[in-house]
Amino acid sequence: MSSARAERLVNLVLCLMSTRQYLSAERIRSIVPGYADGAGDEAFFRMFERDKAELRELGVPLETGHNSVFDTVEGYRIARADYELGEIHLDPDEATVVALAGNLWDSPELAGAAHGALVKLRAAGVEVAETPAAAIRPGAAAGEPALAPLLGAVRTGRVVTFDHRRGGPAGELVRRTVEPWGVVSFRGRWYLVGHDRDRDDVRCFRLSRVEGPVRAVGPEGAVTVPDGVDLRALVRASAGPQPVSGTARVWVAAGRAAGLRRTGRERGPREHAGRPGVEIELDLRDRGTVARWLAGHGPDVAVLDPPELAHAVRELWEAALGAAARGART
């Protein structure tokens, strides 16, 4: 089944489950995305008949009927009571798997199409049931544009290429060619695990740092996942906290940077450049990450020690000022 037809069937099911009325074929044609693109009446009715037969073969209880004795046009709807599942009891590990699957399907692409169908229903004057089936929203976990193409590449065993920004938003953008082994969710973020051909080593890539399109290259089945590989363990080792390499003393202005103050350890009140505040102590794991964090607070923080961290923050400020000046000139 093509992706366009699958999306059209999903929209059709959502449409027919979200209304208590019988909808005529012409009403469905104007509401459900995918039907309005038909070449003509004959093409639409052929498409609609195929879709109805497909739904019935899948076990979807498609009903036909009329909204009143004065309504001469036959309409369609899905009986919710016959289609919805009964109460299900899951063990904790089973519930975790179901929740993860739900996050995968709760993608912006599907949610956008489904929401559009429901908006059209309401705009057309169709009564829409306010039920969980109608409350479709994009999930934050699945909101990564790279997620769908990478999952597809893992499933088909194809090599992928993409641009990845290492080290955070200000890091260098590097083209990667990867043999994908799997996609893992860890601490609220998605990671690709695989063999990086450029480095000839196993690597983990945070999907939020993938920029631009993900392209699958080469034949299907070209990627082989090693036996016994633990994807989650690889991500945990790569994305887990780095060891503490030292401490930093930072002044924070009074009433400012509350999150920074909660993260550090307060050492007592202190003034800086005539402003009241507090001195805190921070653990240093990655100097660049801490520098970017502190630089974002502007004049409300000042690095007291070590000098290397203070220099890194000043460099970030100077780079930001330079970028602003260039933007003003253009």
C-alpha atoms as a PDB file:
ATOM      1  CA  MET A   1       0.000   0.000   0.000  1.00  0.00           C
ATOM      2  CA  SER A   2       1.361   3.419  -0.950  1.00  0.00           C
ATOM      3  CA  SER A   3       1.960   5.997   1.762  1.00  0.00           C
ATOM      4  CA  ALA A   4      -0.599   8.361   0.154  1.00  0.00           C
ATOM      5  CA  ARG A   5      -3.307   5.701   0.236  1.00  0.00           C
ATOM      6  CA  ALA A   6      -2.430   4.678   3.802  1.00  0.00           C
ATOM      7  CA  GLU A   7      -2.661   8.307   4.935  1.00  0.00           C
ATOM      8  CA  ARG A   8      -5.987   8.696   3.123  1.00  0.00           C
ATOM      9  CA  LEU A   9      -7.406   5.612   4.862  1.00  0.00           C
ATOM     10  CA  VAL A  10      -6.248   6.922   8.255  1.00  0.00           C
ATOM     11  CA  ASN A  11      -7.957  10.239   7.537  1.00  0.00           C
ATOM     12  CA  LEU A  12     -11.113   8.443   6.433  1.00  0.00           C
ATOM     13  CA  VAL A  13     -11.255   6.362   9.624  1.00  0.00           C
ATOM     14  CA  LEU A  14     -10.673   9.435  11.797  1.00  0.00           C
ATOM     15  CA  CYS A  15     -13.371  11.320   9.926  1.00  0.00           C
ATOM     16  CA  LEU A  16     -15.990   8.569  10.221  1.00  0.00           C
ATOM     17  CA  MET A  17     -15.188   7.882  13.877  1.00  0.00           C
ATOM     18  CA  SER A  18     -15.329  11.546  14.860  1.00  0.00           C
ATOM     19  CA  THR A  19     -18.930  12.182  13.872  1.00  0.00           C
ATOM     20  CA  ARG A  20     -22.279  10.809  14.998  1.00  0.00           C
ATOM     21  CA  GLN A  21     -23.854  11.682  11.657  1.00  0.00           C
ATOM     22  CA  TYR A  22     -23.893   9.652   8.460  1.00  0.00           C
ATOM     23  CA  LEU A  23     -21.686  11.412   5.921  1.00  0.00           C
ATOM     24  CA  SER A  24     -22.462  11.188   2.221  1.00  0.00           C
ATOM     25  CA  ALA A  25     -19.777  10.288  -0.287  1.00  0.00           C
ATOM     26  CA  GLU A  26     -19.712  13.867  -1.589  1.00  0.00           C
ATOM     27  CA  ARG A  27     -19.338  15.233   1.953  1.00  0.00           C
ATOM     28  CA  ILE A  28     -16.464  12.833   2.598  1.00  0.00           C
ATOM     29  CA  ARG A  29     -14.887  13.881  -0.692  1.00  0.00           C
ATOM     30  CA  SER A  30     -14.825  17.526   0.392  1.00  0.00           C
ATOM     31  CA  ILE A  31     -13.600  16.830   3.942  1.00  0.00           C
ATOM     32  CA  VAL A  32     -11.042  14.025   3.846  1.00  0.00           C
ATOM     33  CA  PRO A  33      -7.565  14.978   2.551  1.00  0.00           C
ATOM     34  CA  GLY A  34      -6.637  12.892  -0.484  1.00  0.00           C
ATOM     35  CA  TYR A  35     -10.018  12.747  -2.218  1.00  0.00           C
ATOM     36  CA  ALA A  36     -10.204  16.288  -3.523  1.00  0.00           C
ATOM     37  CA  ASP A  37      -7.177  15.602  -5.751  1.00  0.00           C
ATOM     38  CA  GLY A  38      -9.118  13.073  -7.849  1.00  0.00           C
ATOM     39  CA  ALA A  39      -9.333  13.698 -11.592  1.00  0.00           C
ATOM     40  CA  GLY A  40     -13.134  13.596 -11.680  1.00  0.00           C
ATOM     41  CA  ASP A  41     -16.302  12.074 -10.290  1.00  0.00           C
ATOM     42  CA  GLU A  42     -15.684   8.662 -11.770  1.00  0.00           C
ATOM     43  CA  ALA A  43     -12.132   8.507 -10.451  1.00  0.00           C
ATOM     44  CA  PHE A  44     -13.289   9.562  -6.985  1.00  0.00           C
ATOM     45  CA  PHE A  45     -16.035   6.957  -6.761  1.00  0.00           C
ATOM     46  CA  ARG A  46     -13.651   4.205  -7.882  1.00  0.00           C
ATOM     47  CA  MET A  47     -11.158   5.327  -5.228  1.00  0.00           C
ATOM     48  CA  PHE A  48     -13.838   5.524  -2.550  1.00  0.00           C
ATOM     49  CA  GLU A  49     -15.202   2.067  -3.365  1.00  0.00           C
ATOM     50  CA  ARG A  50     -11.692   0.583  -3.096  1.00  0.00           C
ATOM     51  CA  ASP A  51     -11.149   2.318   0.241  1.00  0.00           C
ATOM     52  CA  LYS A  52     -14.470   1.065   1.633  1.00  0.00           C
ATOM     53  CA  ALA A  53     -13.612  -2.480   0.598  1.00  0.00           C
ATOM     54  CA  GLU A  54     -10.147  -2.125   2.164  1.00  0.00           C
ATOM     55  CA  LEU A  55     -11.588  -0.954   5.488  1.00  0.00           C
ATOM     56  CA  ARG A  56     -14.081  -3.817   5.598  1.00  0.00           C
ATOM     57  CA  GLU A  57     -11.311  -6.327   4.852  1.00  0.00           C
ATOM     58  CA  LEU A  58      -9.353  -4.847   7.758  1.00  0.00           C
ATOM     59  CA  GLY A  59     -12.326  -5.432  10.044  1.00  0.00           C
ATOM     60  CA  VAL A  60     -13.403  -1.798  10.382  1.00  0.00           C
ATOM     61  CA  PRO A  61     -17.193  -1.754  11.065  1.00  0.00           C
ATOM     62  CA  LEU A  62     -18.305   0.640   8.331  1.00  0.00           C
ATOM     63  CA  GLU A  63     -22.028   1.439   8.671  1.00  0.00           C
ATOM     64  CA  THR A  64     -24.382   2.837   6.044  1.00  0.00           C
ATOM     65  CA  GLY A  65     -27.596   4.688   6.786  1.00  0.00           C
ATOM     66  CA  HIS A  66     -29.562   7.950   6.710  1.00  0.00           C
ATOM     67  CA  ASN A  67     -29.640  10.843   9.152  1.00  0.00           C
ATOM     68  CA  SER A  68     -33.445  11.174   8.915  1.00  0.00           C
ATOM     69  CA  VAL A  69     -36.454   9.778   7.087  1.00  0.00           C
ATOM     70  CA  PHE A  70     -36.292  12.803   4.789  1.00  0.00           C
ATOM     71  CA  ASP A  71     -32.668  12.159   3.835  1.00  0.00           C
ATOM     72  CA  THR A  72     -32.547  10.262   0.549  1.00  0.00           C
ATOM     73  CA  VAL A  73     -28.762  10.134   0.215  1.00  0.00           C
ATOM     74  CA  GLU A  74     -26.982   7.181   1.821  1.00  0.00           C
ATOM     75  CA  GLY A  75     -24.208   8.054   4.252  1.00  0.00           C
ATOM     76  CA  TYR A  76     -21.370   6.346   6.106  1.00  0.00           C
ATOM     77  CA  ARG A  77     -19.970   6.261   9.624  1.00  0.00           C
ATOM     78  CA  ILE A  78     -17.994   3.928  11.911  1.00  0.00           C
ATOM     79  CA  ALA A  79     -19.698   2.497  14.977  1.00  0.00           C
ATOM     80  CA  ARG A  80     -17.373   3.496  17.787  1.00  0.00           C
ATOM     81  CA  ALA A  81     -18.759   0.917  20.220  1.00  0.00           C
ATOM     82  CA  ASP A  82     -17.976  -1.872  17.751  1.00  0.00           C
ATOM     83  CA  TYR A  83     -14.528  -0.566  16.860  1.00  0.00           C
ATOM     84  CA  GLU A  84     -13.012   0.625  20.127  1.00  0.00           C
ATOM     85  CA  LEU A  85     -11.090  -1.811  22.321  1.00  0.00           C
ATOM     86  CA  GLY A  86     -12.341  -2.875  25.685  1.00  0.00           C
ATOM     87  CA  GLU A  87     -10.417  -2.383  28.895  1.00  0.00           C
ATOM     88  CA  ILE A  88      -6.869  -3.739  28.682  1.00  0.00           C
ATOM     89  CA  HIS A  89      -4.616  -4.571  31.616  1.00  0.00           C
ATOM     90  CA  LEU A  90      -0.868  -4.302  30.996  1.00  0.00           C
ATOM     91  CA  ASP A  91       2.143  -5.151  33.088  1.00  0.00           C
ATOM     92  CA  PRO A  92       4.548  -2.216  33.693  1.00  0.00           C
ATOM     93  CA  ASP A  93       7.022  -3.394  31.044  1.00  0.00           C
ATOM     94  CA  GLU A  94       4.238  -3.935  28.520  1.00  0.00           C
ATOM     95  CA  ALA A  95       2.836  -0.482  29.232  1.00  0.00           C
ATOM     96  CA  THR A  96       6.279   1.017  28.621  1.00  0.00           C
ATOM     97  CA  VAL A  97       6.509  -0.605  25.193  1.00  0.00           C
ATOM     98  CA  VAL A  98       3.000   0.552  24.269  1.00  0.00           C
ATOM     99  CA  ALA A  99       3.817   4.111  25.370  1.00  0.00           C
ATOM    100  CA  LEU A 100       6.967   4.136  23.250  1.00  0.00           C
ATOM    101  CA  ALA A 101       5.027   2.861  20.231  1.00  0.00           C
ATOM    102  CA  GLY A 102       2.445   5.571  20.811  1.00  0.00           C
ATOM    103  CA  ASN A 103       5.158   8.230  20.780  1.00  0.00           C
ATOM    104  CA  LEU A 104       6.450   6.920  17.459  1.00  0.00           C
ATOM    105  CA  TRP A 105       3.027   7.062  15.817  1.00  0.00           C
ATOM    106  CA  ASP A 106       2.251  10.447  17.370  1.00  0.00           C
ATOM    107  CA  SER A 107       4.337  12.139  14.694  1.00  0.00           C
ATOM    108  CA  PRO A 108       3.817  15.675  13.349  1.00  0.00           C
ATOM    109  CA  GLU A 109       3.059  14.294   9.861  1.00  0.00           C
ATOM    110  CA  LEU A 110       0.192  12.056  10.983  1.00  0.00           C
ATOM    111  CA  ALA A 111      -1.055  14.466  13.624  1.00  0.00           C
ATOM    112  CA  GLY A 112      -1.136  17.358  11.175  1.00  0.00           C
ATOM    113  CA  ALA A 113      -3.201  15.445   8.618  1.00  0.00           C
ATOM    114  CA  ALA A 114      -5.563  14.100  11.264  1.00  0.00           C
ATOM    115  CA  HIS A 115      -6.048  17.514  12.861  1.00  0.00           C
ATOM    116  CA  GLY A 116      -6.717  19.001   9.433  1.00  0.00           C
ATOM    117  CA  ALA A 117      -9.452  16.450   8.791  1.00  0.00           C
ATOM    118  CA  LEU A 118     -11.163  17.268  12.093  1.00  0.00           C
ATOM    119  CA  VAL A 119     -10.943  21.017  11.464  1.00  0.00           C
ATOM    120  CA  LYS A 120     -12.614  20.505   8.084  1.00  0.00           C
ATOM    121  CA  LEU A 121     -15.328  18.450   9.745  1.00  0.00           C
ATOM    122  CA  ARG A 122     -16.141  21.236  12.179  1.00  0.00           C
ATOM    123  CA  ALA A 123     -15.947  23.891   9.462  1.00  0.00           C
ATOM    124  CA  ALA A 124     -18.424  21.874   7.386  1.00  0.00           C
ATOM    125  CA  GLY A 125     -20.891  21.861  10.256  1.00  0.00           C
ATOM    126  CA  VAL A 126     -20.394  18.223  11.210  1.00  0.00           C
ATOM    127  CA  GLU A 127     -20.816  17.431  14.904  1.00  0.00           C
ATOM    128  CA  VAL A 128     -17.481  16.035  16.118  1.00  0.00           C
ATOM    129  CA  ALA A 129     -17.327  13.884  19.234  1.00  0.00           C
ATOM    130  CA  GLU A 130     -14.974  15.372  21.841  1.00  0.00           C
ATOM    131  CA  THR A 131     -13.275  12.075  22.697  1.00  0.00           C
ATOM    132  CA  PRO A 132      -9.694  10.867  22.916  1.00  0.00           C
ATOM    133  CA  ALA A 133      -9.904   9.836  19.265  1.00  0.00           C
ATOM    134  CA  ALA A 134     -10.518  13.459  18.319  1.00  0.00           C
ATOM    135  CA  ALA A 135      -7.855  14.888  20.593  1.00  0.00           C
ATOM    136  CA  ILE A 136      -4.876  14.310  18.316  1.00  0.00           C
ATOM    137  CA  ARG A 137      -1.728  16.255  18.996  1.00  0.00           C
ATOM    138  CA  PRO A 138       1.910  15.978  17.946  1.00  0.00           C
ATOM    139  CA  GLY A 139       4.109  14.434  20.618  1.00  0.00           C
ATOM    140  CA  ALA A 140       7.263  16.121  21.768  1.00  0.00           C
ATOM    141  CA  ALA A 141       9.210  12.862  21.679  1.00  0.00           C
ATOM    142  CA  ALA A 142       8.355  12.280  18.082  1.00  0.00           C
ATOM    143  CA  GLY A 143       8.829  15.798  16.959  1.00  0.00           C
ATOM    144  CA  GLU A 144      12.146  15.143  15.267  1.00  0.00           C
ATOM    145  CA  PRO A 145      12.037  15.508  11.449  1.00  0.00           C
ATOM    146  CA  ALA A 146      14.848  12.942  11.132  1.00  0.00           C
ATOM    147  CA  LEU A 147      12.981  10.273  13.097  1.00  0.00           C
ATOM    148  CA  ALA A 148      10.753   8.871  10.341  1.00  0.00           C
ATOM    149  CA  PRO A 149      13.431   8.556   7.607  1.00  0.00           C
ATOM    150  CA  LEU A 150      15.915   7.033  10.045  1.00  0.00           C
ATOM    151  CA  LEU A 151      13.399   4.466  11.256  1.00  0.00           C
ATOM    152  CA  GLY A 152      12.688   3.633   7.624  1.00  0.00           C
ATOM    153  CA  ALA A 153      16.396   3.188   6.910  1.00  0.00           C
ATOM    154  CA  VAL A 154      16.811   0.924   9.949  1.00  0.00           C
ATOM    155  CA  ARG A 155      13.867  -1.185   8.831  1.00  0.00           C
ATOM    156  CA  THR A 156      15.146  -1.577   5.249  1.00  0.00           C
ATOM    157  CA  GLY A 157      18.828  -1.838   6.170  1.00  0.00           C
ATOM    158  CA  ARG A 158      20.025   1.090   4.062  1.00  0.00           C
ATOM    159  CA  VAL A 159      22.969   3.419   4.668  1.00  0.00           C
ATOM    160  CA  VAL A 160      22.072   7.043   5.430  1.00  0.00           C
ATOM    161  CA  THR A 161      23.800  10.383   4.979  1.00  0.00           C
ATOM    162  CA  PHE A 162      22.944  13.572   6.875  1.00  0.00           C
ATOM    163  CA  ASP A 163      24.424  16.760   8.277  1.00  0.00           C
ATOM    164  CA  HIS A 164      25.017  16.633  12.035  1.00  0.00           C
ATOM    165  CA  ARG A 165      25.957  19.564  14.271  1.00  0.00           C
ATOM    166  CA  ARG A 166      28.335  18.318  16.919  1.00  0.00           C
ATOM    167  CA  GLY A 167      28.761  19.916  20.306  1.00  0.00           C
ATOM    168  CA  GLY A 168      25.482  21.835  20.384  1.00  0.00           C
ATOM    169  CA  PRO A 169      23.840  24.700  18.465  1.00  0.00           C
ATOM    170  CA  ALA A 170      27.103  26.556  17.866  1.00  0.00           C
ATOM    171  CA  GLY A 171      29.057  23.447  16.893  1.00  0.00           C
ATOM    172  CA  GLU A 172      30.479  22.525  13.507  1.00  0.00           C
ATOM    173  CA  LEU A 173      28.096  21.049  10.925  1.00  0.00           C
ATOM    174  CA  VAL A 174      29.580  17.811   9.563  1.00  0.00           C
ATOM    175  CA  ARG A 175      28.290  15.438   6.882  1.00  0.00           C
ATOM    176  CA  ARG A 176      28.011  11.857   8.172  1.00  0.00           C
ATOM    177  CA  THR A 177      27.586   8.543   6.396  1.00  0.00           C
ATOM    178  CA  VAL A 178      26.197   5.959   8.811  1.00  0.00           C
ATOM    179  CA  GLU A 179      25.115   2.333   8.780  1.00  0.00           C
ATOM    180  CA  PRO A 180      22.057   2.638  11.052  1.00  0.00           C
ATOM    181  CA  TRP A 181      21.553  -0.056  13.681  1.00  0.00           C
ATOM    182  CA  GLY A 182      18.639   1.442  15.580  1.00  0.00           C
ATOM    183  CA  VAL A 183      16.986   4.523  17.095  1.00  0.00           C
ATOM    184  CA  VAL A 184      16.826   4.799  20.887  1.00  0.00           C
ATOM    185  CA  SER A 185      14.990   7.148  23.247  1.00  0.00           C
ATOM    186  CA  PHE A 186      17.147   8.152  26.215  1.00  0.00           C
ATOM    187  CA  ARG A 187      16.318  10.820  28.833  1.00  0.00           C
ATOM    188  CA  GLY A 188      13.691  12.431  26.622  1.00  0.00           C
ATOM    189  CA  ARG A 189      15.899  12.613  23.516  1.00  0.00           C
ATOM    190  CA  TRP A 190      16.208  10.440  20.414  1.00  0.00           C
ATOM    191  CA  TYR A 191      19.532   8.987  19.267  1.00  0.00           C
ATOM    192  CA  LEU A 192      20.676   7.112  16.197  1.00  0.00           C
ATOM    193  CA  VAL A 193      23.142   4.306  16.879  1.00  0.00           C
ATOM    194  CA  GLY A 194      25.249   2.841  14.093  1.00  0.00           C
ATOM    195  CA  HIS A 195      28.590   2.462  12.378  1.00  0.00           C
ATOM    196  CA  ASP A 196      30.019   5.794  11.271  1.00  0.00           C
ATOM    197  CA  ARG A 197      31.854   5.100   8.016  1.00  0.00           C
ATOM    198  CA  ASP A 198      33.738   8.400   8.172  1.00  0.00           C
ATOM    199  CA  ARG A 199      35.234   7.577  11.584  1.00  0.00           C
ATOM    200  CA  ASP A 200      35.171   3.785  11.082  1.00  0.00           C
ATOM    201  CA  ASP A 201      33.697   3.401  14.558  1.00  0.00           C
ATOM    202  CA  VAL A 202      30.435   3.006  16.449  1.00  0.00           C
ATOM    203  CA  ARG A 203      28.781   6.351  17.134  1.00  0.00           C
ATOM    204  CA  CYS A 204      25.571   7.803  18.599  1.00  0.00           C
ATOM    205  CA  PHE A 205      23.923  10.871  17.056  1.00  0.00           C
ATOM    206  CA  ARG A 206      21.319  13.042  18.756  1.00  0.00           C
ATOM    207  CA  LEU A 207      18.473  13.536  16.297  1.00  0.00           C
ATOM    208  CA  SER A 208      17.845  17.131  17.381  1.00  0.00           C
ATOM    209  CA  ARG A 209      21.282  17.998  15.961  1.00  0.00           C
ATOM    210  CA  VAL A 210      20.526  16.554  12.523  1.00  0.00           C
ATOM    211  CA  GLU A 211      19.936  19.407  10.075  1.00  0.00           C
ATOM    212  CA  GLY A 212      18.439  19.142   6.619  1.00  0.00           C
ATOM    213  CA  PRO A 213      17.145  15.992   4.957  1.00  0.00           C
ATOM    214  CA  VAL A 214      18.220  12.433   5.777  1.00  0.00           C
ATOM    215  CA  ARG A 215      19.020  10.532   2.588  1.00  0.00           C
ATOM    216  CA  ALA A 216      19.081   6.753   2.257  1.00  0.00           C
ATOM    217  CA  VAL A 217      21.749   5.560  -0.169  1.00  0.00           C
ATOM    218  CA  GLY A 218      22.666   2.201  -1.607  1.00  0.00           C
ATOM    219  CA  PRO A 219      20.647  -1.007  -1.738  1.00  0.00           C
ATOM    220  CA  GLU A 220      18.306  -2.400   0.888  1.00  0.00           C
ATOM    221  CA  GLY A 221      19.739  -4.994   3.222  1.00  0.00           C
ATOM    222  CA  ALA A 222      23.249  -3.546   3.045  1.00  0.00           C
ATOM    223  CA  VAL A 223      23.399  -2.880   6.800  1.00  0.00           C
ATOM    224  CA  THR A 224      23.968  -5.744   9.225  1.00  0.00           C
ATOM    225  CA  VAL A 225      23.468  -5.196  12.951  1.00  0.00           C
ATOM    226  CA  PRO A 226      26.110  -7.060  14.993  1.00  0.00           C
ATOM    227  CA  ASP A 227      24.830  -9.882  17.172  1.00  0.00           C
ATOM    228  CA  GLY A 228      24.347  -9.036  20.824  1.00  0.00           C
ATOM    229  CA  VAL A 229      24.711  -5.270  20.404  1.00  0.00           C
ATOM    230  CA  ASP A 230      23.032  -3.290  23.213  1.00  0.00           C
ATOM    231  CA  LEU A 231      21.839  -0.045  21.642  1.00  0.00           C
ATOM    232  CA  ARG A 232      20.666   1.472  24.916  1.00  0.00           C
ATOM    233  CA  ALA A 233      23.983   0.722  26.616  1.00  0.00           C
ATOM    234  CA  LEU A 234      25.841   2.433  23.759  1.00  0.00           C
ATOM    235  CA  VAL A 235      23.654   5.525  24.046  1.00  0.00           C
ATOM    236  CA  ARG A 236      23.979   5.541  27.830  1.00  0.00           C
ATOM    237  CA  ALA A 237      27.766   5.464  27.556  1.00  0.00           C
ATOM    238  CA  SER A 238      27.789   8.194  24.900  1.00  0.00           C
ATOM    239  CA  ALA A 239      25.124  10.555  26.243  1.00  0.00           C
ATOM    240  CA  GLY A 240      25.598   9.998  29.958  1.00  0.00           C
ATOM    241  CA  PRO A 241      27.195  12.645  32.143  1.00  0.00           C
ATOM    242  CA  GLN A 242      30.921  13.205  31.728  1.00  0.00           C
ATOM    243  CA  PRO A 243      33.170  12.899  34.772  1.00  0.00           C
ATOM    244  CA  VAL A 244      33.709  16.040  36.836  1.00  0.00           C
ATOM    245  CA  SER A 245      37.008  17.657  35.813  1.00  0.00           C
ATOM    246  CA  GLY A 246      36.980  20.562  38.252  1.00  0.00           C
ATOM    247  CA  THR A 247      34.875  23.325  39.758  1.00  0.00           C
ATOM    248  CA  ALA A 248      34.022  26.892  38.817  1.00  0.00           C
ATOM    249  CA  ARG A 249      33.151  29.865  41.027  1.00  0.00           C
ATOM    250  CA  VAL A 250      30.483  32.093  39.515  1.00  0.00           C
ATOM    251  CA  TRP A 251      28.809  35.293  40.709  1.00  0.00           C
ATOM    252  CA  VAL A 252      25.044  35.485  40.047  1.00  0.00           C
ATOM    253  CA  ALA A 253      23.062  38.724  40.369  1.00  0.00           C
ATOM    254  CA  ALA A 254      20.342  38.847  43.013  1.00  0.00           C
ATOM    255  CA  GLY A 255      17.023  37.561  41.709  1.00  0.00           C
ATOM    256  CA  ARG A 256      18.554  36.322  38.429  1.00  0.00           C
ATOM    257  CA  ALA A 257      19.426  32.920  36.873  1.00  0.00           C
ATOM    258  CA  ALA A 258      17.356  30.869  39.313  1.00  0.00           C
ATOM    259  CA  GLY A 259      18.055  27.646  37.421  1.00  0.00           C
ATOM    260  CA  LEU A 260      21.785  28.247  37.587  1.00  0.00           C
ATOM    261  CA  ARG A 261      21.581  28.885  41.325  1.00  0.00           C
ATOM    262  CA  ARG A 262      19.656  25.658  41.864  1.00  0.00           C
ATOM    263  CA  THR A 263      22.264  23.689  39.926  1.00  0.00           C
ATOM    264  CA  GLY A 264      25.231  25.080  41.837  1.00  0.00           C
ATOM    265  CA  ARG A 265      26.174  25.233  45.486  1.00  0.00           C
ATOM    266  CA  GLU A 266      25.810  28.615  47.162  1.00  0.00           C
ATOM    267  CA  ARG A 267      28.896  29.921  48.978  1.00  0.00           C
ATOM    268  CA  GLY A 268      27.347  33.102  50.327  1.00  0.00           C
ATOM    269  CA  PRO A 269      26.394  36.649  49.322  1.00  0.00           C
ATOM    270  CA  ARG A 270      28.785  38.658  47.189  1.00  0.00           C
ATOM    271  CA  GLU A 271      28.827  41.943  45.288  1.00  0.00           C
ATOM    272  CA  HIS A 272      30.252  42.321  41.798  1.00  0.00           C
ATOM    273  CA  ALA A 273      30.681  45.643  39.978  1.00  0.00           C
ATOM    274  CA  GLY A 274      28.468  47.265  42.605  1.00  0.00           C
ATOM    275  CA  ARG A 275      25.592  44.792  42.151  1.00  0.00           C
ATOM    276  CA  PRO A 276      24.403  42.499  44.957  1.00  0.00           C
ATOM    277  CA  GLY A 277      24.321  38.799  44.342  1.00  0.00           C
ATOM    278  CA  VAL A 278      25.549  35.412  45.452  1.00  0.00           C
ATOM    279  CA  GLU A 279      28.607  33.313  44.735  1.00  0.00           C
ATOM    280  CA  ILE A 280      27.964  29.721  43.643  1.00  0.00           C
ATOM    281  CA  GLU A 281      30.163  26.749  42.851  1.00  0.00           C
ATOM    282  CA  LEU A 282      29.552  24.620  39.754  1.00  0.00           C
ATOM    283  CA  ASP A 283      30.917  21.220  38.777  1.00  0.00           C
ATOM    284  CA  LEU A 284      32.840  21.367  35.494  1.00  0.00           C
ATOM    285  CA  ARG A 285      32.249  18.437  33.138  1.00  0.00           C
ATOM    286  CA  ASP A 286      32.426  20.039  29.691  1.00  0.00           C
ATOM    287  CA  ARG A 287      33.917  23.541  29.683  1.00  0.00           C
ATOM    288  CA  GLY A 288      32.349  24.494  26.351  1.00  0.00           C
ATOM    289  CA  THR A 289      28.863  23.509  27.477  1.00  0.00           C
ATOM    290  CA  VAL A 290      29.190  25.421  30.760  1.00  0.00           C
ATOM    291  CA  ALA A 291      30.564  28.475  28.914  1.00  0.00           C
ATOM    292  CA  ARG A 292      27.590  28.541  26.533  1.00  0.00           C
ATOM    293  CA  TRP A 293      25.205  28.158  29.467  1.00  0.00           C
ATOM    294  CA  LEU A 294      26.770  31.036  31.390  1.00  0.00           C
ATOM    295  CA  ALA A 295      27.118  33.279  28.343  1.00  0.00           C
ATOM    296  CA  GLY A 296      23.375  33.059  27.803  1.00  0.00           C
ATOM    297  CA  HIS A 297      22.776  34.924  31.076  1.00  0.00           C
ATOM    298  CA  GLY A 298      24.706  37.986  29.888  1.00  0.00           C
ATOM    299  CA  PRO A 299      25.717  40.525  32.571  1.00  0.00           C
ATOM    300  CA  ASP A 300      23.737  38.714  35.260  1.00  0.00           C
ATOM    301  CA  VAL A 301      26.642  36.287  35.787  1.00  0.00           C
ATOM    302  CA  ALA A 302      30.420  36.643  36.047  1.00  0.00           C
ATOM    303  CA  VAL A 303      33.004  33.865  36.131  1.00  0.00           C
ATOM    304  CA  LEU A 304      35.332  34.326  39.079  1.00  0.00           C
ATOM    305  CA  ASP A 305      37.396  31.192  38.492  1.00  0.00           C
ATOM    306  CA  PRO A 306      38.925  29.477  36.533  1.00  0.00           C
ATOM    307  CA  PRO A 307      40.322  32.058  34.085  1.00  0.00           C
ATOM    308  CA  GLU A 308      39.957  29.636  31.140  1.00  0.00           C
ATOM    309  CA  LEU A 309      36.201  29.485  31.633  1.00  0.00           C
ATOM    310  CA  ALA A 310      35.951  33.280  31.936  1.00  0.00           C
ATOM    311  CA  HIS A 311      37.890  33.622  28.672  1.00  0.00           C
ATOM    312  CA  ALA A 312      35.579  31.148  26.914  1.00  0.00           C
ATOM    313  CA  VAL A 313      32.503  33.131  28.024  1.00  0.00           C
ATOM    314  CA  ARG A 314      34.033  36.416  26.801  1.00  0.00           C
ATOM    315  CA  GLU A 315      34.797  34.834  23.421  1.00  0.00           C
ATOM    316  CA  LEU A 316      31.163  33.779  23.055  1.00  0.00           C
ATOM    317  CA  TRP A 317      29.982  37.283  23.897  1.00  0.00           C
ATOM    318  CA  GLU A 318      32.383  38.819  21.364  1.00  0.00           C
ATOM    319  CA  ALA A 319      31.225  36.373  18.679  1.00  0.00           C
ATOM    320  CA  ALA A 320      27.593  37.271  19.363  1.00  0.00           C
ATOM    321  CA  LEU A 321      28.351  41.000  19.163  1.00  0.00           C
ATOM    322  CA  GLY A 322      30.221  40.489  15.892  1.00  0.00           C
ATOM    323  CA  ALA A 323      27.328  38.549  14.391  1.00  0.00           C
ATOM    324  CA  ALA A 324      24.877  41.258  15.481  1.00  0.00           C
ATOM    325  CA  ALA A 325      27.046  43.971  13.924  1.00  0.00           C
ATOM    326  CA  ARG A 326      27.293  42.085  10.626  1.00  0.00           C
ATOM    327  CA  GLY A 327      23.536  41.611  10.606  1.00  0.00           C
ATOM    328  CA  ALA A 328      22.980  45.341  11.187  1.00  0.00           C
ATOM    329  CA  ARG A 329      25.231  46.231   8.240  1.00  0.00           C
ATOM    330  CA  THR A 330      23.344  43.916   5.897  1.00  0.00           C
END
